[in-house]
N, C-alpha and C. Protein backbone atom coordinates (compact mmCIF):
# COMPACT_ATOMS: atom_id res chain seq x y z
N UNK A 1 0.83 -1.19 0.00
CA UNK A 1 0.00 0.00 0.00
C UNK A 1 0.87 1.25 0.00
N UNK A 2 1.95 1.22 0.84
CA UNK A 2 2.84 2.36 0.88
C UNK A 2 3.52 2.52 -0.47
N UNK A 3 3.82 1.41 -1.09
CA UNK A 3 4.50 1.44 -2.37
C UNK A 3 3.59 2.05 -3.43
N UNK A 4 2.30 1.68 -3.39
CA UNK A 4 1.34 2.21 -4.35
C UNK A 4 1.17 3.72 -4.16
N UNK A 5 1.08 4.17 -2.92
CA UNK A 5 0.94 5.60 -2.65
C UNK A 5 2.19 6.34 -3.12
N UNK A 6 3.35 5.74 -2.96
CA UNK A 6 4.59 6.37 -3.41
C UNK A 6 4.61 6.53 -4.93
N UNK A 7 4.13 5.48 -5.64
CA UNK A 7 4.08 5.53 -7.10
C UNK A 7 3.12 6.62 -7.58
N UNK A 8 2.00 6.72 -6.91
CA UNK A 8 1.01 7.75 -7.29
C UNK A 8 1.62 9.13 -7.07
N UNK A 9 2.36 9.30 -5.97
CA UNK A 9 2.99 10.60 -5.70
C UNK A 9 4.02 10.95 -6.76
N UNK A 10 4.84 9.94 -7.16
CA UNK A 10 5.85 10.16 -8.18
C UNK A 10 5.18 10.50 -9.50
N UNK A 11 4.06 9.81 -9.77
CA UNK A 11 3.32 10.06 -11.01
C UNK A 11 2.81 11.50 -11.06
N UNK A 12 2.20 11.97 -9.97
CA UNK A 12 1.71 13.36 -9.93
C UNK A 12 2.86 14.35 -10.05
N UNK A 13 4.00 14.01 -9.44
CA UNK A 13 5.15 14.88 -9.51
C UNK A 13 5.66 14.97 -10.93
N UNK A 14 5.68 13.86 -11.62
CA UNK A 14 6.15 13.83 -13.01
C UNK A 14 5.21 14.61 -13.92
N UNK A 15 3.91 14.43 -13.71
CA UNK A 15 2.93 15.18 -14.53
C UNK A 15 3.10 16.67 -14.27
N UNK A 16 3.30 17.04 -13.03
CA UNK A 16 3.49 18.46 -12.69
C UNK A 16 4.71 19.03 -13.37
N UNK A 17 5.79 18.24 -13.43
CA UNK A 17 7.01 18.71 -14.07
C UNK A 17 6.82 18.83 -15.57
N UNK A 18 6.10 17.86 -16.16
CA UNK A 18 5.88 17.91 -17.60
C UNK A 18 4.98 19.11 -17.97
N UNK A 19 3.96 19.34 -17.20
CA UNK A 19 3.04 20.44 -17.49
C UNK A 19 3.74 21.77 -17.26
N UNK A 20 4.61 21.85 -16.31
CA UNK A 20 5.35 23.07 -16.04
C UNK A 20 4.53 24.03 -15.21
N UNK A 21 5.22 24.82 -14.49
CA UNK A 21 4.56 25.85 -13.68
C UNK A 21 4.58 27.15 -14.47
N UNK A 22 3.56 27.96 -14.27
CA UNK A 22 3.60 29.24 -14.98
C UNK A 22 4.78 30.05 -14.49
N UNK A 23 5.49 30.62 -15.45
CA UNK A 23 6.68 31.38 -15.13
C UNK A 23 6.27 32.76 -14.64
N UNK A 24 6.86 33.20 -13.56
CA UNK A 24 6.59 34.54 -13.02
C UNK A 24 7.25 35.56 -13.95
N UNK A 25 6.52 36.62 -14.31
CA UNK A 25 7.15 37.63 -15.18
C UNK A 25 8.27 38.34 -14.43
N UNK A 26 9.29 38.69 -15.18
CA UNK A 26 10.38 39.41 -14.58
C UNK A 26 9.97 40.87 -14.43
N UNK A 27 10.22 41.41 -13.29
CA UNK A 27 9.85 42.80 -13.04
C UNK A 27 11.09 43.64 -13.21
N UNK A 28 11.01 44.60 -14.05
CA UNK A 28 12.13 45.49 -14.31
C UNK A 28 11.63 46.68 -15.09
N UNK A 29 12.50 47.60 -15.34
CA UNK A 29 12.10 48.79 -16.08
C UNK A 29 12.91 48.81 -17.36
N UNK A 30 12.20 48.91 -18.45
CA UNK A 30 12.88 48.96 -19.73
C UNK A 30 13.42 50.36 -19.93
N UNK A 31 14.61 50.45 -20.45
CA UNK A 31 15.20 51.75 -20.74
C UNK A 31 14.66 52.29 -22.05
N UNK A 32 15.09 53.47 -22.40
CA UNK A 32 14.61 54.04 -23.66
C UNK A 32 15.11 53.22 -24.83
N UNK A 33 14.30 53.12 -25.84
CA UNK A 33 14.67 52.35 -27.02
C UNK A 33 15.79 53.06 -27.74
N UNK A 34 16.71 52.27 -28.26
CA UNK A 34 17.85 52.83 -28.97
C UNK A 34 17.49 52.91 -30.43
N UNK A 35 17.76 54.05 -31.03
CA UNK A 35 17.46 54.26 -32.43
C UNK A 35 18.76 54.60 -33.13
N UNK A 36 18.93 54.14 -34.34
CA UNK A 36 20.11 54.49 -35.11
C UNK A 36 21.09 53.35 -35.19
N UNK A 37 22.39 53.67 -35.42
CA UNK A 37 23.37 52.61 -35.63
C UNK A 37 23.57 51.73 -34.41
N UNK A 38 23.28 52.21 -33.21
CA UNK A 38 23.47 51.43 -31.98
C UNK A 38 22.29 50.52 -31.70
N UNK A 39 21.29 50.49 -32.59
CA UNK A 39 20.05 49.75 -32.31
C UNK A 39 20.31 48.27 -32.08
N UNK A 40 21.24 47.66 -32.80
CA UNK A 40 21.47 46.22 -32.65
C UNK A 40 22.42 45.86 -31.54
N UNK A 41 23.10 46.84 -30.96
CA UNK A 41 24.11 46.57 -29.93
C UNK A 41 23.41 46.48 -28.58
N UNK A 42 23.68 45.40 -27.81
CA UNK A 42 23.02 45.31 -26.51
C UNK A 42 23.50 46.41 -25.58
N UNK A 43 22.58 46.90 -24.77
CA UNK A 43 22.90 47.99 -23.84
C UNK A 43 23.78 47.46 -22.73
N UNK A 44 24.73 48.30 -22.28
CA UNK A 44 25.59 47.89 -21.18
C UNK A 44 24.80 47.97 -19.88
N UNK A 45 25.10 47.08 -18.93
CA UNK A 45 24.33 47.07 -17.69
C UNK A 45 24.58 48.35 -16.91
N UNK A 46 23.57 48.78 -16.16
CA UNK A 46 23.74 50.00 -15.38
C UNK A 46 24.82 49.82 -14.32
N UNK A 47 25.55 50.90 -14.08
CA UNK A 47 26.62 50.87 -13.08
C UNK A 47 26.01 51.24 -11.74
N UNK A 48 26.27 50.42 -10.75
CA UNK A 48 25.72 50.67 -9.42
C UNK A 48 26.50 51.79 -8.76
N UNK A 49 25.80 52.62 -8.01
CA UNK A 49 26.46 53.70 -7.28
C UNK A 49 27.30 53.10 -6.16
N UNK A 50 28.47 53.71 -5.88
CA UNK A 50 29.30 53.15 -4.81
C UNK A 50 28.60 53.29 -3.47
N UNK A 51 28.83 52.34 -2.62
CA UNK A 51 28.22 52.35 -1.29
C UNK A 51 28.82 53.48 -0.48
N UNK A 52 28.01 54.18 0.33
CA UNK A 52 28.55 55.29 1.12
C UNK A 52 29.57 54.77 2.14
N UNK A 53 30.59 55.59 2.37
CA UNK A 53 31.61 55.22 3.34
C UNK A 53 31.38 56.01 4.61
N UNK A 54 31.94 55.57 5.65
CA UNK A 54 31.80 56.26 6.93
C UNK A 54 32.46 57.61 6.82
N UNK A 55 31.82 58.64 7.28
CA UNK A 55 32.36 59.99 7.26
C UNK A 55 31.93 60.79 6.04
N UNK A 56 31.33 60.11 5.02
CA UNK A 56 30.85 60.86 3.86
C UNK A 56 29.62 61.69 4.25
N UNK A 57 29.52 62.88 3.64
CA UNK A 57 28.34 63.72 3.88
C UNK A 57 27.26 63.23 2.93
N UNK A 58 26.14 62.90 3.49
CA UNK A 58 25.09 62.41 2.59
C UNK A 58 24.61 63.53 1.66
N UNK A 59 24.45 63.16 0.42
CA UNK A 59 23.96 64.11 -0.58
C UNK A 59 22.49 63.79 -0.83
N UNK A 60 21.69 64.80 -0.67
CA UNK A 60 20.26 64.57 -0.92
C UNK A 60 19.95 65.09 -2.32
N UNK A 61 19.33 64.27 -3.03
CA UNK A 61 18.92 64.65 -4.38
C UNK A 61 17.45 65.03 -4.34
N UNK A 62 17.09 66.07 -5.08
CA UNK A 62 15.67 66.44 -5.07
C UNK A 62 14.82 65.34 -5.67
N UNK A 63 13.73 65.13 -5.04
CA UNK A 63 12.79 64.12 -5.54
C UNK A 63 11.82 64.82 -6.48
N UNK A 64 11.71 64.32 -7.69
CA UNK A 64 10.79 64.99 -8.61
C UNK A 64 9.36 64.90 -8.07
N UNK A 65 8.61 65.97 -8.22
CA UNK A 65 7.23 65.93 -7.73
C UNK A 65 6.42 64.90 -8.48
N UNK A 66 5.50 64.36 -7.76
CA UNK A 66 4.63 63.37 -8.40
C UNK A 66 3.85 64.07 -9.50
N UNK A 67 3.74 63.40 -10.61
CA UNK A 67 3.00 64.00 -11.72
C UNK A 67 1.52 64.03 -11.38
N UNK A 68 0.97 65.22 -11.50
CA UNK A 68 -0.46 65.39 -11.26
C UNK A 68 -1.14 65.31 -12.61
N UNK A 69 -2.08 64.40 -12.75
CA UNK A 69 -2.75 64.31 -14.05
C UNK A 69 -3.50 65.61 -14.34
N UNK A 70 -3.26 66.11 -15.53
CA UNK A 70 -3.92 67.35 -15.94
C UNK A 70 -5.18 66.98 -16.70
N UNK A 71 -6.29 67.46 -16.18
CA UNK A 71 -7.53 67.15 -16.88
C UNK A 71 -7.63 68.07 -18.09
N UNK A 72 -8.07 67.51 -19.20
CA UNK A 72 -8.15 68.34 -20.41
C UNK A 72 -9.17 69.46 -20.21
N UNK A 73 -8.86 70.60 -20.81
CA UNK A 73 -9.77 71.73 -20.70
C UNK A 73 -10.96 71.46 -21.61
N UNK A 74 -12.15 71.51 -21.05
CA UNK A 74 -13.31 71.23 -21.91
C UNK A 74 -13.46 72.33 -22.94
N UNK A 75 -13.89 71.95 -24.14
CA UNK A 75 -14.06 72.98 -25.16
C UNK A 75 -15.14 73.97 -24.74
N UNK A 76 -14.97 75.18 -25.21
CA UNK A 76 -15.94 76.21 -24.87
C UNK A 76 -17.30 75.83 -25.44
N UNK A 77 -18.32 76.17 -24.69
CA UNK A 77 -19.68 75.87 -25.15
C UNK A 77 -19.95 76.66 -26.41
N UNK A 78 -20.63 76.03 -27.38
CA UNK A 78 -20.91 76.76 -28.60
C UNK A 78 -21.77 77.98 -28.33
N UNK A 79 -21.41 79.05 -29.01
CA UNK A 79 -22.15 80.30 -28.83
C UNK A 79 -23.19 80.40 -29.93
N UNK A 80 -24.40 80.65 -29.52
CA UNK A 80 -25.47 80.79 -30.50
C UNK A 80 -25.22 82.05 -31.32
N UNK A 81 -25.50 81.98 -32.63
CA UNK A 81 -25.31 83.18 -33.42
C UNK A 81 -26.23 84.29 -32.95
N UNK A 82 -25.74 85.50 -33.10
CA UNK A 82 -26.53 86.64 -32.67
C UNK A 82 -27.81 86.72 -33.50
N UNK A 83 -28.88 87.04 -32.83
CA UNK A 83 -30.15 87.19 -33.53
C UNK A 83 -30.07 88.41 -34.43
N UNK A 84 -30.65 88.31 -35.61
CA UNK A 84 -30.60 89.47 -36.48
C UNK A 84 -31.34 90.64 -35.85
N UNK A 85 -30.83 91.81 -36.13
CA UNK A 85 -31.46 93.00 -35.58
C UNK A 85 -32.87 93.13 -36.14
N UNK A 86 -33.76 93.65 -35.34
CA UNK A 86 -35.12 93.84 -35.79
C UNK A 86 -35.12 94.80 -36.97
N UNK A 87 -35.93 94.49 -37.97
CA UNK A 87 -36.02 95.33 -39.15
C UNK A 87 -36.74 96.61 -38.75
N UNK A 88 -36.08 97.75 -38.88
CA UNK A 88 -36.70 98.99 -38.42
C UNK A 88 -37.77 99.51 -39.37
N UNK A 89 -37.73 99.10 -40.63
CA UNK A 89 -38.69 99.59 -41.62
C UNK A 89 -39.66 98.47 -41.98
N UNK A 90 -40.93 98.78 -41.92
CA UNK A 90 -41.96 97.76 -42.16
C UNK A 90 -42.58 97.92 -43.54
N UNK A 91 -43.00 96.79 -44.11
CA UNK A 91 -43.65 96.78 -45.41
C UNK A 91 -45.04 97.42 -45.31
N UNK A 92 -45.52 97.90 -46.47
CA UNK A 92 -46.92 98.33 -46.56
C UNK A 92 -47.59 97.48 -47.63
N UNK A 93 -48.91 97.37 -47.56
CA UNK A 93 -49.64 96.47 -48.44
C UNK A 93 -50.70 97.23 -49.23
N UNK A 94 -51.05 96.66 -50.39
CA UNK A 94 -51.95 97.32 -51.33
C UNK A 94 -53.16 96.44 -51.62
N UNK A 95 -54.22 97.08 -52.13
CA UNK A 95 -55.39 96.35 -52.61
C UNK A 95 -55.09 95.76 -53.98
N UNK A 96 -55.93 94.82 -54.41
CA UNK A 96 -55.76 94.16 -55.70
C UNK A 96 -55.76 95.19 -56.83
N UNK A 97 -54.75 95.11 -57.68
CA UNK A 97 -54.62 95.93 -58.88
C UNK A 97 -54.58 97.42 -58.56
N UNK A 98 -54.08 97.79 -57.38
CA UNK A 98 -54.02 99.20 -56.97
C UNK A 98 -52.59 99.57 -56.57
N UNK A 99 -52.27 100.87 -56.77
CA UNK A 99 -50.99 101.40 -56.29
C UNK A 99 -51.22 102.62 -55.40
N UNK A 100 -52.46 102.83 -54.98
CA UNK A 100 -52.79 103.94 -54.08
C UNK A 100 -52.49 103.49 -52.65
N UNK A 101 -51.87 104.39 -51.87
CA UNK A 101 -51.56 104.07 -50.47
C UNK A 101 -52.87 103.98 -49.69
N UNK A 102 -53.10 102.86 -49.05
CA UNK A 102 -54.32 102.68 -48.25
C UNK A 102 -54.21 103.48 -46.96
N UNK A 103 -55.34 103.93 -46.45
CA UNK A 103 -55.35 104.72 -45.21
C UNK A 103 -54.79 103.93 -44.03
N UNK A 104 -55.07 102.61 -43.98
CA UNK A 104 -54.58 101.81 -42.85
C UNK A 104 -53.07 101.55 -42.94
N UNK A 105 -52.42 101.90 -44.05
CA UNK A 105 -50.98 101.71 -44.20
C UNK A 105 -50.19 102.99 -43.92
N UNK A 106 -50.88 104.12 -43.79
CA UNK A 106 -50.19 105.39 -43.59
C UNK A 106 -49.50 105.47 -42.22
N UNK A 107 -50.05 104.83 -41.23
CA UNK A 107 -49.39 104.83 -39.91
C UNK A 107 -48.03 104.13 -40.00
N UNK A 108 -47.97 103.03 -40.73
CA UNK A 108 -46.70 102.33 -40.91
C UNK A 108 -45.72 103.21 -41.67
N UNK A 109 -46.19 103.89 -42.71
CA UNK A 109 -45.31 104.79 -43.47
C UNK A 109 -44.82 105.94 -42.60
N UNK A 110 -45.66 106.43 -41.73
CA UNK A 110 -45.25 107.52 -40.83
C UNK A 110 -44.17 107.04 -39.86
N UNK A 111 -44.28 105.82 -39.37
CA UNK A 111 -43.23 105.25 -38.50
C UNK A 111 -41.93 105.11 -39.28
N UNK A 112 -42.02 104.63 -40.53
CA UNK A 112 -40.82 104.50 -41.36
C UNK A 112 -40.18 105.86 -41.61
N UNK A 113 -41.01 106.87 -41.84
CA UNK A 113 -40.51 108.23 -42.05
C UNK A 113 -39.77 108.74 -40.81
N UNK A 114 -40.34 108.52 -39.65
CA UNK A 114 -39.70 108.97 -38.40
C UNK A 114 -38.35 108.28 -38.22
N UNK A 115 -38.28 107.00 -38.52
CA UNK A 115 -37.01 106.28 -38.39
C UNK A 115 -35.98 106.82 -39.38
N UNK A 116 -36.41 107.10 -40.62
CA UNK A 116 -35.49 107.62 -41.62
C UNK A 116 -34.99 109.02 -41.24
N UNK A 117 -35.84 109.82 -40.62
CA UNK A 117 -35.39 111.14 -40.16
C UNK A 117 -34.33 110.99 -39.06
N UNK A 118 -34.54 110.05 -38.15
CA UNK A 118 -33.61 109.83 -37.05
C UNK A 118 -32.29 109.22 -37.52
N UNK A 119 -32.31 108.58 -38.68
CA UNK A 119 -31.12 107.94 -39.24
C UNK A 119 -30.85 108.55 -40.61
N UNK A 120 -30.37 109.76 -40.59
CA UNK A 120 -30.29 110.57 -41.80
C UNK A 120 -29.24 110.11 -42.81
N UNK A 121 -28.36 109.19 -42.44
CA UNK A 121 -27.35 108.71 -43.40
C UNK A 121 -27.79 107.45 -44.12
N UNK A 122 -28.92 106.88 -43.71
CA UNK A 122 -29.39 105.63 -44.30
C UNK A 122 -30.00 105.88 -45.68
N UNK A 123 -29.61 105.01 -46.62
CA UNK A 123 -30.23 105.00 -47.95
C UNK A 123 -31.01 103.70 -48.07
N UNK A 124 -32.15 103.77 -48.76
CA UNK A 124 -33.01 102.60 -48.85
C UNK A 124 -33.38 102.29 -50.29
N UNK A 125 -33.80 101.04 -50.48
CA UNK A 125 -34.40 100.60 -51.73
C UNK A 125 -35.83 100.19 -51.40
N UNK A 126 -36.77 100.67 -52.20
CA UNK A 126 -38.17 100.24 -52.05
C UNK A 126 -38.46 99.28 -53.19
N UNK A 127 -38.82 98.04 -52.83
CA UNK A 127 -39.15 97.03 -53.83
C UNK A 127 -40.66 96.98 -53.99
N UNK A 128 -41.13 97.07 -55.24
CA UNK A 128 -42.55 96.91 -55.52
C UNK A 128 -42.86 95.47 -55.90
N UNK A 129 -43.92 94.90 -55.28
CA UNK A 129 -44.28 93.50 -55.53
C UNK A 129 -45.76 93.39 -55.87
N UNK A 130 -46.11 92.29 -56.55
CA UNK A 130 -47.50 92.03 -56.94
C UNK A 130 -47.81 90.56 -56.67
N UNK A 131 -49.10 90.23 -56.66
CA UNK A 131 -49.44 88.81 -56.54
C UNK A 131 -49.33 88.15 -57.91
N UNK A 132 -49.63 86.88 -58.00
CA UNK A 132 -49.37 86.11 -59.22
C UNK A 132 -50.39 86.32 -60.33
N UNK A 133 -51.47 86.99 -60.05
CA UNK A 133 -52.49 87.19 -61.09
C UNK A 133 -52.03 88.26 -62.08
N UNK A 134 -52.31 88.05 -63.35
CA UNK A 134 -51.89 88.98 -64.40
C UNK A 134 -50.60 88.51 -65.05
N UNK A 135 -50.24 89.13 -66.14
CA UNK A 135 -49.01 88.75 -66.85
C UNK A 135 -47.79 89.27 -66.09
N UNK A 136 -46.65 88.70 -66.40
CA UNK A 136 -45.41 89.14 -65.76
C UNK A 136 -45.13 90.61 -66.06
N UNK A 137 -45.36 91.02 -67.31
CA UNK A 137 -45.11 92.41 -67.68
C UNK A 137 -46.03 93.36 -66.92
N UNK A 138 -47.30 92.99 -66.83
CA UNK A 138 -48.25 93.85 -66.12
C UNK A 138 -47.87 93.97 -64.64
N UNK A 139 -47.50 92.84 -64.03
CA UNK A 139 -47.14 92.85 -62.61
C UNK A 139 -45.85 93.61 -62.34
N UNK A 140 -44.90 93.59 -63.27
CA UNK A 140 -43.69 94.40 -63.12
C UNK A 140 -44.04 95.89 -63.11
N UNK A 141 -44.94 96.28 -64.04
CA UNK A 141 -45.35 97.69 -64.10
C UNK A 141 -46.13 98.08 -62.85
N UNK A 142 -46.98 97.17 -62.34
CA UNK A 142 -47.76 97.44 -61.13
C UNK A 142 -46.82 97.56 -59.93
N UNK A 143 -45.83 96.70 -59.83
CA UNK A 143 -44.86 96.78 -58.75
C UNK A 143 -44.08 98.10 -58.78
N UNK A 144 -43.76 98.55 -59.99
CA UNK A 144 -43.05 99.83 -60.13
C UNK A 144 -43.93 100.99 -59.66
N UNK A 145 -45.22 100.97 -59.99
CA UNK A 145 -46.13 102.03 -59.55
C UNK A 145 -46.26 102.03 -58.02
N UNK A 146 -46.30 100.85 -57.42
CA UNK A 146 -46.39 100.76 -55.95
C UNK A 146 -45.13 101.31 -55.28
N UNK A 147 -43.98 100.95 -55.81
CA UNK A 147 -42.72 101.45 -55.24
C UNK A 147 -42.63 102.97 -55.38
N UNK A 148 -43.04 103.50 -56.55
CA UNK A 148 -42.99 104.95 -56.78
C UNK A 148 -43.97 105.69 -55.87
N UNK A 149 -45.18 105.15 -55.69
CA UNK A 149 -46.17 105.80 -54.81
C UNK A 149 -45.63 105.86 -53.38
N UNK A 150 -44.93 104.80 -52.96
CA UNK A 150 -44.37 104.76 -51.60
C UNK A 150 -43.24 105.79 -51.48
N UNK A 151 -42.39 105.87 -52.48
CA UNK A 151 -41.31 106.86 -52.47
C UNK A 151 -41.89 108.27 -52.43
N UNK A 152 -42.90 108.53 -53.24
CA UNK A 152 -43.51 109.87 -53.27
C UNK A 152 -44.05 110.25 -51.90
N UNK A 153 -44.64 109.30 -51.19
CA UNK A 153 -45.16 109.59 -49.84
C UNK A 153 -44.02 110.00 -48.91
N UNK A 154 -42.92 109.26 -48.95
CA UNK A 154 -41.78 109.57 -48.08
C UNK A 154 -41.15 110.92 -48.43
N UNK A 155 -41.04 111.21 -49.72
CA UNK A 155 -40.45 112.48 -50.14
C UNK A 155 -41.36 113.64 -49.70
N UNK A 156 -42.67 113.46 -49.84
CA UNK A 156 -43.61 114.50 -49.39
C UNK A 156 -43.51 114.71 -47.88
N UNK A 157 -43.09 113.65 -47.14
CA UNK A 157 -42.96 113.76 -45.68
C UNK A 157 -41.59 114.31 -45.27
N UNK A 158 -40.72 114.63 -46.26
CA UNK A 158 -39.45 115.28 -45.92
C UNK A 158 -38.20 114.44 -46.11
N UNK A 159 -38.31 113.23 -46.61
CA UNK A 159 -37.12 112.40 -46.86
C UNK A 159 -36.56 112.78 -48.23
N UNK A 160 -35.26 113.06 -48.28
CA UNK A 160 -34.64 113.50 -49.54
C UNK A 160 -34.70 112.38 -50.58
N UNK A 161 -35.08 112.70 -51.81
CA UNK A 161 -35.26 111.65 -52.83
C UNK A 161 -33.97 110.92 -53.20
N UNK A 162 -32.80 111.53 -52.97
CA UNK A 162 -31.54 110.84 -53.31
C UNK A 162 -31.26 109.67 -52.36
N UNK A 163 -31.98 109.61 -51.28
CA UNK A 163 -31.80 108.50 -50.33
C UNK A 163 -32.64 107.29 -50.69
N UNK A 164 -33.49 107.39 -51.72
CA UNK A 164 -34.45 106.33 -52.03
C UNK A 164 -34.28 105.87 -53.48
N UNK A 165 -34.13 104.56 -53.66
CA UNK A 165 -34.10 103.94 -54.98
C UNK A 165 -35.29 103.00 -55.05
N UNK A 166 -35.92 102.90 -56.21
CA UNK A 166 -37.05 101.98 -56.36
C UNK A 166 -36.71 100.90 -57.38
N UNK A 167 -37.33 99.75 -57.21
CA UNK A 167 -37.18 98.63 -58.14
C UNK A 167 -38.46 97.81 -58.07
N UNK A 168 -38.80 97.13 -59.16
CA UNK A 168 -39.99 96.27 -59.17
C UNK A 168 -39.58 94.83 -59.42
N UNK A 169 -40.16 93.93 -58.65
CA UNK A 169 -39.98 92.50 -58.89
C UNK A 169 -41.27 91.85 -59.36
N UNK A 170 -42.34 92.62 -59.44
CA UNK A 170 -43.62 92.06 -59.89
C UNK A 170 -44.02 90.87 -59.04
N UNK A 171 -44.31 89.76 -59.68
CA UNK A 171 -44.74 88.55 -58.97
C UNK A 171 -43.59 87.59 -58.68
N UNK A 172 -42.36 87.98 -59.05
CA UNK A 172 -41.21 87.07 -59.01
C UNK A 172 -40.74 86.67 -57.60
N UNK A 173 -40.95 87.48 -56.60
CA UNK A 173 -40.46 87.16 -55.25
C UNK A 173 -41.61 87.20 -54.25
N UNK A 174 -42.45 86.19 -54.28
CA UNK A 174 -43.60 86.21 -53.35
C UNK A 174 -43.15 86.11 -51.90
N UNK A 175 -43.84 86.83 -51.05
CA UNK A 175 -43.58 86.78 -49.61
C UNK A 175 -44.24 85.54 -49.01
N UNK A 176 -45.43 85.21 -49.51
CA UNK A 176 -46.16 84.01 -49.06
C UNK A 176 -46.54 83.22 -50.31
N UNK A 177 -46.28 81.91 -50.27
CA UNK A 177 -46.64 81.06 -51.40
C UNK A 177 -48.08 80.57 -51.23
N UNK A 178 -48.82 80.60 -52.30
CA UNK A 178 -50.20 80.14 -52.29
C UNK A 178 -50.94 80.69 -53.48
N UNK A 179 -52.12 80.16 -53.69
CA UNK A 179 -52.89 80.51 -54.89
C UNK A 179 -54.28 81.01 -54.53
N UNK A 180 -54.38 81.72 -53.42
CA UNK A 180 -55.65 82.32 -53.05
C UNK A 180 -55.39 83.62 -52.29
N UNK A 181 -56.46 84.29 -51.90
CA UNK A 181 -56.34 85.60 -51.27
C UNK A 181 -55.52 85.58 -49.98
N UNK A 182 -55.52 84.44 -49.28
CA UNK A 182 -54.75 84.38 -48.03
C UNK A 182 -53.26 84.56 -48.28
N UNK A 183 -52.78 84.22 -49.47
CA UNK A 183 -51.38 84.45 -49.83
C UNK A 183 -51.23 85.74 -50.62
N UNK A 184 -52.15 86.00 -51.55
CA UNK A 184 -52.02 87.16 -52.43
C UNK A 184 -51.97 88.48 -51.67
N UNK A 185 -52.75 88.60 -50.60
CA UNK A 185 -52.80 89.88 -49.89
C UNK A 185 -51.46 90.27 -49.28
N UNK A 186 -50.60 89.26 -48.97
CA UNK A 186 -49.27 89.54 -48.43
C UNK A 186 -48.26 89.86 -49.52
N UNK A 187 -48.56 89.45 -50.74
CA UNK A 187 -47.61 89.66 -51.85
C UNK A 187 -47.80 90.99 -52.56
N UNK A 188 -48.91 91.66 -52.34
CA UNK A 188 -49.13 93.00 -52.92
C UNK A 188 -48.54 94.02 -51.96
N UNK A 189 -47.26 94.33 -52.11
CA UNK A 189 -46.59 95.11 -51.08
C UNK A 189 -45.48 95.98 -51.64
N UNK A 190 -45.06 96.93 -50.79
CA UNK A 190 -43.82 97.67 -51.01
C UNK A 190 -42.90 97.25 -49.86
N UNK A 191 -41.77 96.71 -50.22
CA UNK A 191 -40.83 96.17 -49.24
C UNK A 191 -39.62 97.10 -49.13
N UNK A 192 -39.21 97.40 -47.89
CA UNK A 192 -38.10 98.32 -47.62
C UNK A 192 -36.82 97.54 -47.34
N UNK A 193 -35.74 97.93 -48.01
CA UNK A 193 -34.43 97.31 -47.82
C UNK A 193 -33.44 98.43 -47.52
N UNK A 194 -32.68 98.26 -46.44
CA UNK A 194 -31.64 99.25 -46.11
C UNK A 194 -30.45 98.98 -47.02
N UNK A 195 -30.15 99.96 -47.89
CA UNK A 195 -29.07 99.78 -48.86
C UNK A 195 -27.71 100.14 -48.24
N UNK A 196 -27.65 101.18 -47.45
CA UNK A 196 -26.40 101.56 -46.78
C UNK A 196 -26.72 102.42 -45.58
N UNK A 197 -25.79 102.39 -44.62
CA UNK A 197 -25.97 103.18 -43.39
C UNK A 197 -24.94 104.27 -43.37
């Protein structure tokens, strides 16, 4: 029985030797990699500092400060674009096939006149527009009459005519798209554009 137990022990020992034990990794610090002609030459072993002798004055070397991890600076929050300035000059609107200034539009024209007086260096363009009904040629002529009537009102109110240019786009640049009065009433207009300040 003792002999059998001994054989089993030897057998386990042999299997353990054949399987091998996992090798412990060597702990060390790798030096900087060598680049260039010395790359294939093995590095010489580091030279150990001589042991201090009795009576030597100990030399203290400064210990480098521990590196503090620097957190990356977060990018600046995106800035929303500035809102466009409010348009100081408001459009006026016309009746179908008319270029006469409506009474309900005169208050808007008076506000525009006051703003132009307060900003005496501003030059403007008045665009005349029409709805889609009628031929392109007719609507261009109607837009021109609307722009001219608007300019005449401003000039009569004291705005110098050299500050005002007129142009007609007829039906080409609708303010509201549609094919009924709910769209057309917005497209029959004189539109103010600040040309220079």
